[in-house]
């Protein structure tokens, strides 16, 4: 859809080595949101289906190599699996996301997605999408299950929906069934910011 993510180094290797069961749940949620089966993930990573299932259930801890393979197959950076709420708010990590604790992906196409919902385990996904000038989701339309809606918080966005070109300005909003072929772009010379809602999560 939006192309490959830009590479991101691991800042804290101890965080990866201390991976707990929550990492398995993060992998499972992302895999399901990406509509990827365990069999397909196994084929893409070279890891056995049984081992992947054990990781997702928290029975086995993934190695760094395995996490790299899984993150590449699911189109994210390895840091995706390690959200970092402040220690005093661990009990709230499933309910809130602090501004400095957002998980994000920066795509080579110039689009940056920040996950505003705490995880992908619910029926709703909330994103803050920042579009660099001239960035776009792709030259071809795509479709998937579910529904989506958005609010243009800044700048302007061009939305192609079922063959129709729609110009959206700051303050405009939209909603459509994701089964309708669509794509989007920021054709202007200024950055655009869109608050995007997708149900069910489809990352």
N, C-alpha and C. Protein backbone atom coordinates (compact mmCIF):
# COMPACT_ATOMS: atom_id res chain seq x y z
N UNK A 1 0.82 -1.20 0.00
CA UNK A 1 0.00 0.00 0.00
C UNK A 1 0.85 1.25 0.00
N UNK A 2 1.64 1.45 1.08
CA UNK A 2 2.41 2.69 1.20
C UNK A 2 3.89 2.48 0.93
N UNK A 3 4.27 1.26 0.57
CA UNK A 3 5.67 0.99 0.29
C UNK A 3 6.43 0.58 1.53
N UNK A 4 7.72 0.29 1.37
CA UNK A 4 8.52 -0.20 2.50
C UNK A 4 8.76 0.87 3.55
N UNK A 5 8.98 0.40 4.78
CA UNK A 5 9.29 1.34 5.86
C UNK A 5 10.76 1.71 5.81
N UNK A 6 11.07 2.90 6.27
CA UNK A 6 12.47 3.32 6.36
C UNK A 6 13.15 2.56 7.48
N UNK A 7 14.42 2.18 7.31
CA UNK A 7 15.12 1.42 8.36
C UNK A 7 15.25 2.22 9.63
N UNK A 8 15.23 1.51 10.75
CA UNK A 8 15.33 2.15 12.05
C UNK A 8 16.21 1.30 12.95
N UNK A 9 17.27 1.86 13.53
CA UNK A 9 18.16 1.06 14.37
C UNK A 9 17.51 0.72 15.70
N UNK A 10 18.01 -0.33 16.36
CA UNK A 10 17.57 -0.68 17.70
C UNK A 10 18.34 0.18 18.67
N UNK A 11 17.63 0.97 19.47
CA UNK A 11 18.30 1.88 20.41
C UNK A 11 18.70 1.20 21.71
N UNK A 12 17.90 0.23 22.15
CA UNK A 12 18.17 -0.42 23.43
C UNK A 12 18.08 -1.92 23.25
N UNK A 13 19.22 -2.57 23.05
CA UNK A 13 19.24 -4.00 22.80
C UNK A 13 18.72 -4.79 23.99
N UNK A 14 18.87 -4.27 25.21
CA UNK A 14 18.39 -4.98 26.40
C UNK A 14 16.87 -5.10 26.37
N UNK A 15 16.22 -4.12 25.76
CA UNK A 15 14.77 -4.14 25.65
C UNK A 15 14.32 -5.33 24.82
N UNK A 16 15.09 -5.64 23.77
CA UNK A 16 14.78 -6.76 22.91
C UNK A 16 15.07 -8.07 23.62
N UNK A 17 16.20 -8.14 24.32
CA UNK A 17 16.59 -9.36 25.00
C UNK A 17 15.64 -9.71 26.14
N UNK A 18 14.99 -8.71 26.71
CA UNK A 18 14.08 -8.93 27.82
C UNK A 18 12.62 -9.09 27.35
N UNK A 19 12.45 -9.44 26.07
CA UNK A 19 11.09 -9.59 25.51
C UNK A 19 10.26 -10.56 26.33
N UNK A 20 9.03 -10.14 26.64
CA UNK A 20 8.14 -10.99 27.43
C UNK A 20 6.93 -11.39 26.59
N UNK A 21 5.94 -11.97 27.27
CA UNK A 21 4.75 -12.47 26.58
C UNK A 21 4.03 -11.37 25.81
N UNK A 22 4.14 -10.11 26.26
CA UNK A 22 3.44 -9.02 25.59
C UNK A 22 3.91 -8.86 24.14
N UNK A 23 5.17 -9.21 23.89
CA UNK A 23 5.68 -9.13 22.52
C UNK A 23 4.92 -10.10 21.63
N UNK A 24 4.66 -11.29 22.15
CA UNK A 24 3.90 -12.27 21.38
C UNK A 24 2.50 -11.77 21.05
N UNK A 25 1.87 -11.10 22.00
CA UNK A 25 0.54 -10.55 21.75
C UNK A 25 0.60 -9.43 20.71
N UNK A 26 1.65 -8.61 20.77
CA UNK A 26 1.81 -7.54 19.78
C UNK A 26 1.97 -8.14 18.38
N UNK A 27 2.75 -9.22 18.27
CA UNK A 27 2.94 -9.89 16.98
C UNK A 27 1.61 -10.44 16.47
N UNK A 28 0.87 -11.09 17.37
CA UNK A 28 -0.41 -11.68 16.99
C UNK A 28 -1.39 -10.61 16.51
N UNK A 29 -1.49 -9.51 17.25
CA UNK A 29 -2.41 -8.43 16.88
C UNK A 29 -2.04 -7.84 15.53
N UNK A 30 -0.75 -7.59 15.30
CA UNK A 30 -0.31 -7.01 14.04
C UNK A 30 -0.53 -7.98 12.88
N UNK A 31 -0.25 -9.24 13.11
CA UNK A 31 -0.44 -10.25 12.06
C UNK A 31 -1.91 -10.31 11.65
N UNK A 32 -2.81 -10.31 12.63
CA UNK A 32 -4.23 -10.37 12.33
C UNK A 32 -4.71 -9.10 11.64
N UNK A 33 -4.22 -7.95 12.12
CA UNK A 33 -4.60 -6.68 11.49
C UNK A 33 -4.10 -6.59 10.05
N UNK A 34 -2.99 -7.28 9.78
CA UNK A 34 -2.42 -7.30 8.43
C UNK A 34 -3.02 -8.41 7.58
N UNK A 35 -3.96 -9.18 8.18
CA UNK A 35 -4.63 -10.28 7.48
C UNK A 35 -3.63 -11.32 6.97
N UNK A 36 -2.67 -11.65 7.83
CA UNK A 36 -1.64 -12.64 7.50
C UNK A 36 -1.85 -13.88 8.37
N UNK A 37 -1.91 -15.05 7.75
CA UNK A 37 -2.08 -16.29 8.51
C UNK A 37 -0.75 -16.73 9.10
N UNK A 38 -0.81 -17.61 10.09
CA UNK A 38 0.42 -18.16 10.67
C UNK A 38 1.22 -18.90 9.61
N UNK A 39 0.52 -19.61 8.73
CA UNK A 39 1.20 -20.36 7.67
C UNK A 39 1.95 -19.42 6.74
N UNK A 40 1.31 -18.30 6.38
CA UNK A 40 1.95 -17.33 5.48
C UNK A 40 3.14 -16.68 6.17
N UNK A 41 3.01 -16.38 7.47
CA UNK A 41 4.13 -15.77 8.20
C UNK A 41 5.27 -16.77 8.33
N UNK A 42 4.94 -18.03 8.52
CA UNK A 42 5.96 -19.07 8.60
C UNK A 42 6.75 -19.17 7.29
N UNK A 43 6.02 -19.12 6.19
CA UNK A 43 6.67 -19.20 4.88
C UNK A 43 7.54 -17.98 4.61
N UNK A 44 7.07 -16.81 5.03
CA UNK A 44 7.82 -15.58 4.77
C UNK A 44 9.06 -15.46 5.64
N UNK A 45 9.03 -16.02 6.84
CA UNK A 45 10.14 -15.86 7.78
C UNK A 45 11.08 -17.06 7.82
N UNK A 46 10.61 -18.22 7.37
CA UNK A 46 11.41 -19.43 7.49
C UNK A 46 11.35 -20.03 8.89
N UNK A 47 10.48 -19.47 9.74
CA UNK A 47 10.29 -19.99 11.10
C UNK A 47 9.11 -20.94 11.09
N UNK A 48 9.18 -21.99 11.90
CA UNK A 48 8.10 -22.97 11.89
C UNK A 48 6.82 -22.38 12.44
N UNK A 49 5.71 -22.90 11.95
CA UNK A 49 4.39 -22.45 12.40
C UNK A 49 4.23 -22.69 13.90
N UNK A 50 4.75 -23.83 14.38
CA UNK A 50 4.66 -24.15 15.80
C UNK A 50 5.43 -23.16 16.66
N UNK A 51 6.64 -22.78 16.21
CA UNK A 51 7.46 -21.82 16.95
C UNK A 51 6.78 -20.46 16.99
N UNK A 52 6.23 -20.03 15.86
CA UNK A 52 5.53 -18.75 15.81
C UNK A 52 4.31 -18.76 16.73
N UNK A 53 3.60 -19.87 16.76
CA UNK A 53 2.44 -19.98 17.64
C UNK A 53 2.86 -19.89 19.11
N UNK A 54 3.98 -20.51 19.45
CA UNK A 54 4.49 -20.46 20.82
C UNK A 54 4.90 -19.04 21.20
N UNK A 55 5.49 -18.31 20.26
CA UNK A 55 5.86 -16.91 20.51
C UNK A 55 4.61 -16.09 20.79
N UNK A 56 3.59 -16.25 19.95
CA UNK A 56 2.36 -15.47 20.09
C UNK A 56 1.64 -15.77 21.40
N UNK A 57 1.77 -17.01 21.88
CA UNK A 57 1.09 -17.39 23.12
C UNK A 57 1.95 -17.13 24.35
N UNK A 58 3.17 -16.61 24.14
CA UNK A 58 4.04 -16.29 25.27
C UNK A 58 4.74 -17.49 25.85
N UNK A 59 4.72 -18.61 25.15
CA UNK A 59 5.38 -19.83 25.63
C UNK A 59 6.88 -19.77 25.35
N UNK A 60 7.23 -19.21 24.18
CA UNK A 60 8.64 -19.06 23.80
C UNK A 60 8.96 -17.59 23.60
N UNK A 61 10.18 -17.18 23.94
CA UNK A 61 10.65 -15.82 23.68
C UNK A 61 11.38 -15.81 22.35
N UNK A 62 11.07 -14.87 21.48
CA UNK A 62 11.73 -14.83 20.17
C UNK A 62 13.16 -14.33 20.28
N UNK A 63 14.02 -14.88 19.44
CA UNK A 63 15.39 -14.38 19.35
C UNK A 63 15.37 -13.06 18.58
N UNK A 64 16.47 -12.32 18.65
CA UNK A 64 16.57 -11.07 17.90
C UNK A 64 16.44 -11.34 16.41
N UNK A 65 17.08 -12.42 15.95
CA UNK A 65 17.01 -12.78 14.53
C UNK A 65 15.57 -13.08 14.13
N UNK A 66 14.85 -13.81 14.99
CA UNK A 66 13.46 -14.14 14.68
C UNK A 66 12.60 -12.88 14.63
N UNK A 67 12.83 -11.95 15.57
CA UNK A 67 12.06 -10.71 15.58
C UNK A 67 12.32 -9.88 14.33
N UNK A 68 13.57 -9.86 13.89
CA UNK A 68 13.89 -9.15 12.65
C UNK A 68 13.12 -9.75 11.47
N UNK A 69 13.11 -11.08 11.41
CA UNK A 69 12.41 -11.76 10.31
C UNK A 69 10.92 -11.48 10.36
N UNK A 70 10.35 -11.52 11.56
CA UNK A 70 8.91 -11.29 11.72
C UNK A 70 8.56 -9.84 11.38
N UNK A 71 9.38 -8.89 11.86
CA UNK A 71 9.08 -7.48 11.59
C UNK A 71 9.17 -7.18 10.10
N UNK A 72 10.17 -7.74 9.40
CA UNK A 72 10.28 -7.52 7.96
C UNK A 72 9.07 -8.10 7.23
N UNK A 73 8.65 -9.30 7.64
CA UNK A 73 7.52 -9.95 6.97
C UNK A 73 6.22 -9.17 7.16
N UNK A 74 6.08 -8.52 8.33
CA UNK A 74 4.85 -7.78 8.62
C UNK A 74 4.96 -6.29 8.28
N UNK A 75 6.10 -5.87 7.74
CA UNK A 75 6.24 -4.51 7.24
C UNK A 75 6.42 -3.44 8.29
N UNK A 76 7.04 -3.80 9.43
CA UNK A 76 7.29 -2.80 10.47
C UNK A 76 8.75 -2.87 10.90
N UNK A 77 9.17 -1.88 11.67
CA UNK A 77 10.48 -1.94 12.31
C UNK A 77 10.37 -2.74 13.59
N UNK A 78 11.46 -3.30 14.04
CA UNK A 78 11.45 -4.14 15.24
C UNK A 78 10.97 -3.38 16.47
N UNK A 79 11.17 -2.07 16.50
CA UNK A 79 10.75 -1.27 17.65
C UNK A 79 9.23 -1.26 17.82
N UNK A 80 8.48 -1.64 16.79
CA UNK A 80 7.02 -1.67 16.86
C UNK A 80 6.54 -2.53 18.04
N UNK A 81 7.28 -3.59 18.29
CA UNK A 81 6.84 -4.56 19.30
C UNK A 81 7.16 -4.14 20.73
N UNK A 82 7.76 -2.96 20.90
CA UNK A 82 8.18 -2.53 22.23
C UNK A 82 7.68 -1.14 22.56
N UNK A 83 6.34 -0.98 22.71
CA UNK A 83 5.84 0.33 23.16
C UNK A 83 6.38 0.59 24.55
N UNK A 84 6.61 1.87 24.87
CA UNK A 84 7.29 2.16 26.14
C UNK A 84 6.51 3.14 27.01
N UNK A 85 5.43 2.68 27.65
CA UNK A 85 4.76 3.56 28.60
C UNK A 85 5.64 3.78 29.81
N UNK A 86 5.45 4.90 30.52
CA UNK A 86 6.23 5.13 31.72
C UNK A 86 5.87 4.08 32.76
N UNK A 87 6.83 3.70 33.59
CA UNK A 87 6.65 2.59 34.51
C UNK A 87 5.47 2.80 35.46
N UNK A 88 5.22 4.04 35.84
CA UNK A 88 4.13 4.28 36.78
C UNK A 88 2.76 4.13 36.12
N UNK A 89 2.72 3.97 34.79
CA UNK A 89 1.45 3.84 34.10
C UNK A 89 1.30 2.49 33.42
N UNK A 90 2.05 1.49 33.85
CA UNK A 90 1.95 0.17 33.24
C UNK A 90 0.53 -0.36 33.23
N UNK A 91 -0.22 -0.07 34.30
CA UNK A 91 -1.59 -0.60 34.39
C UNK A 91 -2.53 0.10 33.41
N UNK A 92 -2.09 1.21 32.81
CA UNK A 92 -2.92 1.94 31.86
C UNK A 92 -2.51 1.72 30.41
N UNK A 93 -1.50 0.90 30.18
CA UNK A 93 -0.92 0.78 28.84
C UNK A 93 -1.92 0.25 27.80
N UNK A 94 -2.96 -0.46 28.25
CA UNK A 94 -3.97 -0.97 27.32
C UNK A 94 -5.08 0.04 27.05
N UNK A 95 -4.98 1.22 27.69
CA UNK A 95 -6.07 2.19 27.58
C UNK A 95 -5.64 3.56 27.06
N UNK A 96 -4.39 3.96 27.32
CA UNK A 96 -3.96 5.29 26.92
C UNK A 96 -2.62 5.24 26.17
N UNK A 97 -2.39 6.28 25.38
CA UNK A 97 -1.11 6.46 24.69
C UNK A 97 -0.66 7.89 24.93
N UNK A 98 0.45 8.07 25.63
CA UNK A 98 0.99 9.41 25.85
C UNK A 98 1.64 9.91 24.55
N UNK A 99 1.69 11.21 24.41
CA UNK A 99 2.21 11.82 23.19
C UNK A 99 3.61 11.33 22.85
N UNK A 100 4.46 11.16 23.87
CA UNK A 100 5.84 10.74 23.60
C UNK A 100 5.99 9.22 23.59
N UNK A 101 4.87 8.48 23.65
CA UNK A 101 4.95 7.03 23.66
C UNK A 101 4.30 6.37 22.46
N UNK A 102 4.03 7.16 21.42
CA UNK A 102 3.37 6.60 20.23
C UNK A 102 4.30 5.68 19.44
N UNK A 103 3.75 4.60 18.96
CA UNK A 103 4.50 3.78 18.00
C UNK A 103 4.30 4.38 16.61
N UNK A 104 5.35 4.37 15.81
CA UNK A 104 5.23 5.00 14.49
C UNK A 104 6.00 4.22 13.44
N UNK A 105 5.57 4.41 12.21
CA UNK A 105 6.25 3.86 11.04
C UNK A 105 6.45 4.99 10.04
N UNK A 106 7.64 5.12 9.52
CA UNK A 106 7.92 6.11 8.48
C UNK A 106 8.20 5.36 7.19
N UNK A 107 7.39 5.61 6.19
CA UNK A 107 7.51 4.89 4.93
C UNK A 107 8.40 5.67 3.96
N UNK A 108 9.07 4.94 3.11
CA UNK A 108 9.95 5.57 2.12
C UNK A 108 9.18 6.46 1.16
N UNK A 109 7.86 6.28 1.09
CA UNK A 109 7.03 7.12 0.22
C UNK A 109 6.85 8.52 0.79
N UNK A 110 7.23 8.71 2.08
CA UNK A 110 7.10 10.04 2.69
C UNK A 110 5.94 10.16 3.65
N UNK A 111 5.26 9.06 3.93
CA UNK A 111 4.13 9.06 4.86
C UNK A 111 4.60 8.50 6.20
N UNK A 112 4.20 9.16 7.28
CA UNK A 112 4.51 8.69 8.63
C UNK A 112 3.21 8.39 9.35
N UNK A 113 3.06 7.16 9.83
CA UNK A 113 1.89 6.74 10.58
C UNK A 113 2.24 6.63 12.05
N UNK A 114 1.44 7.26 12.90
CA UNK A 114 1.59 7.12 14.34
C UNK A 114 0.34 6.46 14.89
N UNK A 115 0.52 5.37 15.63
CA UNK A 115 -0.61 4.66 16.19
C UNK A 115 -1.08 5.37 17.45
N UNK A 116 -2.31 5.89 17.41
CA UNK A 116 -2.87 6.60 18.55
C UNK A 116 -3.64 5.68 19.48
N UNK A 117 -4.10 4.55 18.97
CA UNK A 117 -4.75 3.58 19.84
C UNK A 117 -3.67 2.76 20.54
N UNK A 118 -3.95 2.25 21.74
CA UNK A 118 -2.91 1.55 22.51
C UNK A 118 -2.37 0.29 21.84
N UNK A 119 -3.20 -0.38 21.05
CA UNK A 119 -2.76 -1.61 20.38
C UNK A 119 -3.70 -1.90 19.21
N UNK A 120 -3.46 -3.03 18.55
CA UNK A 120 -4.30 -3.42 17.41
C UNK A 120 -5.24 -4.56 17.77
N UNK A 121 -5.43 -4.77 19.07
CA UNK A 121 -6.23 -5.90 19.53
C UNK A 121 -7.72 -5.64 19.61
N UNK A 122 -8.14 -4.39 19.39
CA UNK A 122 -9.56 -4.07 19.45
C UNK A 122 -10.14 -3.97 18.04
N UNK A 123 -11.38 -3.53 17.94
CA UNK A 123 -12.05 -3.43 16.65
C UNK A 123 -11.86 -2.09 15.97
N UNK A 124 -11.05 -1.21 16.60
CA UNK A 124 -10.87 0.14 16.09
C UNK A 124 -9.39 0.51 16.11
N UNK A 125 -8.92 1.12 15.04
CA UNK A 125 -7.53 1.58 14.94
C UNK A 125 -7.54 3.08 14.68
N UNK A 126 -6.80 3.83 15.48
CA UNK A 126 -6.73 5.29 15.33
C UNK A 126 -5.30 5.68 14.99
N UNK A 127 -5.14 6.42 13.89
CA UNK A 127 -3.82 6.80 13.41
C UNK A 127 -3.73 8.31 13.22
N UNK A 128 -2.52 8.83 13.40
CA UNK A 128 -2.18 10.19 12.98
C UNK A 128 -1.22 10.04 11.82
N UNK A 129 -1.67 10.41 10.63
CA UNK A 129 -0.87 10.23 9.42
C UNK A 129 -0.33 11.58 8.95
N UNK A 130 0.98 11.66 8.83
CA UNK A 130 1.63 12.88 8.35
C UNK A 130 2.15 12.63 6.95
N UNK A 131 1.72 13.45 6.01
CA UNK A 131 2.09 13.31 4.61
C UNK A 131 3.09 14.39 4.23
N UNK A 132 4.28 14.00 3.89
CA UNK A 132 5.25 14.97 3.37
C UNK A 132 4.75 15.49 2.03
N UNK A 133 5.22 16.65 1.59
CA UNK A 133 4.82 17.14 0.27
C UNK A 133 5.11 16.12 -0.81
N UNK A 134 4.15 15.93 -1.69
CA UNK A 134 4.24 15.03 -2.85
C UNK A 134 4.27 13.55 -2.47
N UNK A 135 3.91 13.21 -1.25
CA UNK A 135 3.87 11.79 -0.84
C UNK A 135 2.54 11.17 -1.25
N UNK A 136 2.54 9.86 -1.41
CA UNK A 136 1.32 9.20 -1.86
C UNK A 136 1.32 7.73 -1.42
N UNK A 137 0.12 7.14 -1.36
CA UNK A 137 -0.02 5.76 -0.92
C UNK A 137 0.41 4.77 -1.99
N UNK A 138 0.36 5.19 -3.23
CA UNK A 138 0.71 4.32 -4.35
C UNK A 138 0.01 4.82 -5.60
N UNK A 139 0.46 4.37 -6.75
CA UNK A 139 -0.14 4.82 -8.00
C UNK A 139 -1.38 4.02 -8.37
N UNK A 140 -1.54 2.86 -7.73
CA UNK A 140 -2.70 2.02 -7.99
C UNK A 140 -3.63 2.03 -6.78
N UNK A 141 -4.92 1.95 -7.03
CA UNK A 141 -5.88 1.85 -5.93
C UNK A 141 -5.80 0.46 -5.31
N UNK A 142 -6.28 0.36 -4.08
CA UNK A 142 -6.33 -0.93 -3.40
C UNK A 142 -7.61 -0.98 -2.57
N UNK A 143 -7.98 -2.14 -2.10
CA UNK A 143 -9.17 -2.30 -1.27
C UNK A 143 -8.93 -3.39 -0.25
N UNK A 144 -9.71 -3.37 0.81
CA UNK A 144 -9.59 -4.37 1.86
C UNK A 144 -10.89 -4.37 2.65
N UNK A 145 -11.02 -5.28 3.57
CA UNK A 145 -12.25 -5.38 4.36
C UNK A 145 -12.36 -4.19 5.33
N UNK A 146 -13.58 -3.91 5.78
CA UNK A 146 -13.77 -2.91 6.82
C UNK A 146 -14.25 -1.56 6.33
N UNK A 147 -14.11 -0.59 7.23
CA UNK A 147 -14.49 0.80 6.96
C UNK A 147 -13.40 1.73 7.47
N UNK A 148 -13.36 2.93 6.94
CA UNK A 148 -12.41 3.93 7.42
C UNK A 148 -13.00 5.32 7.32
N UNK A 149 -12.47 6.19 8.14
CA UNK A 149 -12.90 7.58 8.15
C UNK A 149 -11.72 8.43 8.56
N UNK A 150 -11.77 9.71 8.22
CA UNK A 150 -10.65 10.57 8.56
C UNK A 150 -11.04 12.03 8.67
N UNK A 151 -10.16 12.79 9.29
CA UNK A 151 -10.32 14.23 9.46
C UNK A 151 -9.00 14.89 9.07
N UNK A 152 -9.05 15.82 8.12
CA UNK A 152 -7.85 16.53 7.68
C UNK A 152 -7.57 17.64 8.68
N UNK A 153 -6.56 17.42 9.51
CA UNK A 153 -6.24 18.38 10.57
C UNK A 153 -5.40 19.54 10.06
N UNK A 154 -4.62 19.30 9.01
CA UNK A 154 -3.76 20.36 8.44
C UNK A 154 -3.44 20.01 7.00
N UNK A 155 -3.25 21.04 6.18
CA UNK A 155 -2.87 20.82 4.79
C UNK A 155 -4.04 20.37 3.93
N UNK A 156 -3.71 19.64 2.88
CA UNK A 156 -4.74 19.15 1.97
C UNK A 156 -4.41 17.73 1.52
N UNK A 157 -5.43 16.98 1.19
CA UNK A 157 -5.27 15.59 0.78
C UNK A 157 -6.12 15.32 -0.44
N UNK A 158 -5.54 14.62 -1.41
CA UNK A 158 -6.31 14.17 -2.56
C UNK A 158 -6.68 12.71 -2.33
N UNK A 159 -7.97 12.41 -2.41
CA UNK A 159 -8.47 11.05 -2.21
C UNK A 159 -9.11 10.57 -3.49
N UNK A 160 -8.66 9.43 -3.99
CA UNK A 160 -9.29 8.79 -5.14
C UNK A 160 -10.18 7.68 -4.60
N UNK A 161 -11.47 7.77 -4.88
CA UNK A 161 -12.44 6.83 -4.34
C UNK A 161 -13.33 6.31 -5.46
N UNK A 162 -13.16 5.05 -5.77
CA UNK A 162 -13.94 4.40 -6.82
C UNK A 162 -13.86 5.18 -8.14
N UNK A 163 -12.64 5.62 -8.47
CA UNK A 163 -12.41 6.31 -9.74
C UNK A 163 -12.66 7.80 -9.71
N UNK A 164 -13.14 8.32 -8.58
CA UNK A 164 -13.41 9.76 -8.47
C UNK A 164 -12.29 10.43 -7.68
N UNK A 165 -11.83 11.58 -8.16
CA UNK A 165 -10.80 12.35 -7.49
C UNK A 165 -11.44 13.40 -6.61
N UNK A 166 -11.12 13.39 -5.32
CA UNK A 166 -11.73 14.29 -4.35
C UNK A 166 -10.65 15.11 -3.66
N UNK A 167 -10.82 16.43 -3.65
CA UNK A 167 -9.89 17.32 -2.97
C UNK A 167 -10.41 17.63 -1.57
N UNK A 168 -9.59 17.31 -0.56
CA UNK A 168 -9.96 17.56 0.83
C UNK A 168 -9.05 18.62 1.42
N UNK A 169 -9.64 19.62 2.08
CA UNK A 169 -8.88 20.70 2.69
C UNK A 169 -8.93 20.58 4.21
N UNK A 170 -8.08 21.34 4.87
CA UNK A 170 -8.05 21.34 6.33
C UNK A 170 -9.45 21.59 6.89
N UNK A 171 -9.89 20.72 7.80
CA UNK A 171 -11.23 20.83 8.37
C UNK A 171 -12.24 19.89 7.73
N UNK A 172 -11.91 19.35 6.56
CA UNK A 172 -12.80 18.40 5.89
C UNK A 172 -12.64 17.02 6.52
N UNK A 173 -13.66 16.19 6.36
CA UNK A 173 -13.61 14.83 6.86
C UNK A 173 -14.23 13.89 5.82
N UNK A 174 -14.04 12.59 6.01
CA UNK A 174 -14.52 11.61 5.03
C UNK A 174 -14.76 10.28 5.71
N UNK A 175 -15.52 9.42 5.05
CA UNK A 175 -15.76 8.06 5.52
C UNK A 175 -16.18 7.22 4.32
N UNK A 176 -15.73 5.97 4.28
CA UNK A 176 -16.11 5.07 3.19
C UNK A 176 -15.83 3.63 3.57
N UNK A 177 -16.46 2.71 2.86
CA UNK A 177 -16.19 1.29 3.04
C UNK A 177 -14.87 0.97 2.36
N UNK A 178 -14.00 0.27 3.06
CA UNK A 178 -12.66 0.01 2.54
C UNK A 178 -12.65 -0.95 1.36
N UNK A 179 -13.78 -1.60 1.10
CA UNK A 179 -13.88 -2.48 -0.07
C UNK A 179 -13.94 -1.68 -1.37
N UNK A 180 -14.21 -0.37 -1.27
CA UNK A 180 -14.20 0.51 -2.44
C UNK A 180 -12.74 0.80 -2.82
N UNK A 181 -12.35 0.59 -4.07
CA UNK A 181 -10.96 0.88 -4.47
C UNK A 181 -10.60 2.33 -4.16
N UNK A 182 -9.44 2.51 -3.50
CA UNK A 182 -9.06 3.87 -3.09
C UNK A 182 -7.55 4.03 -3.03
N UNK A 183 -7.12 5.27 -3.07
CA UNK A 183 -5.74 5.66 -2.83
C UNK A 183 -5.74 7.13 -2.44
N UNK A 184 -4.60 7.64 -1.99
CA UNK A 184 -4.56 9.02 -1.52
C UNK A 184 -3.16 9.60 -1.69
N UNK A 185 -3.08 10.93 -1.69
CA UNK A 185 -1.79 11.60 -1.89
C UNK A 185 -1.86 13.02 -1.38
N UNK A 186 -0.69 13.54 -1.04
CA UNK A 186 -0.54 14.97 -0.75
C UNK A 186 0.18 15.58 -1.95
N UNK A 187 -0.57 16.19 -2.83
CA UNK A 187 0.01 16.74 -4.06
C UNK A 187 0.52 18.16 -3.87
N UNK A 188 0.38 18.71 -2.69
CA UNK A 188 0.78 20.09 -2.45
C UNK A 188 2.25 20.18 -2.03
N UNK A 189 2.71 21.40 -1.81
CA UNK A 189 4.09 21.64 -1.38
C UNK A 189 4.19 21.81 0.14
N UNK A 190 3.09 21.54 0.85
CA UNK A 190 3.08 21.67 2.31
C UNK A 190 2.69 20.35 2.95
N UNK A 191 3.14 20.14 4.16
CA UNK A 191 2.83 18.92 4.89
C UNK A 191 1.33 18.84 5.19
N UNK A 192 0.80 17.63 5.19
CA UNK A 192 -0.61 17.41 5.54
C UNK A 192 -0.68 16.43 6.70
N UNK A 193 -1.66 16.64 7.57
CA UNK A 193 -1.86 15.75 8.72
C UNK A 193 -3.31 15.29 8.72
N UNK A 194 -3.50 13.99 8.81
CA UNK A 194 -4.85 13.41 8.79
C UNK A 194 -5.00 12.48 10.00
N UNK A 195 -6.09 12.62 10.73
CA UNK A 195 -6.44 11.67 11.78
C UNK A 195 -7.32 10.62 11.13
N UNK A 196 -6.86 9.37 11.18
CA UNK A 196 -7.50 8.29 10.40
C UNK A 196 -8.03 7.22 11.35
N UNK A 197 -9.23 6.75 11.07
CA UNK A 197 -9.85 5.67 11.85
C UNK A 197 -10.15 4.51 10.91
N UNK A 198 -9.74 3.31 11.32
CA UNK A 198 -9.96 2.11 10.50
C UNK A 198 -10.58 1.03 11.38
N UNK A 199 -11.62 0.39 10.87
CA UNK A 199 -12.27 -0.69 11.62
C UNK A 199 -12.66 -1.81 10.66
N UNK A 200 -12.26 -3.05 10.95
CA UNK A 200 -11.34 -3.44 12.02
C UNK A 200 -9.92 -3.01 11.65
N UNK A 201 -8.98 -3.05 12.59
CA UNK A 201 -7.60 -2.66 12.28
C UNK A 201 -7.08 -3.37 11.04
N UNK A 202 -6.45 -2.62 10.17
CA UNK A 202 -5.94 -3.18 8.91
C UNK A 202 -4.62 -2.52 8.59
N UNK A 203 -3.60 -2.85 9.36
CA UNK A 203 -2.31 -2.16 9.24
C UNK A 203 -1.46 -2.71 8.12
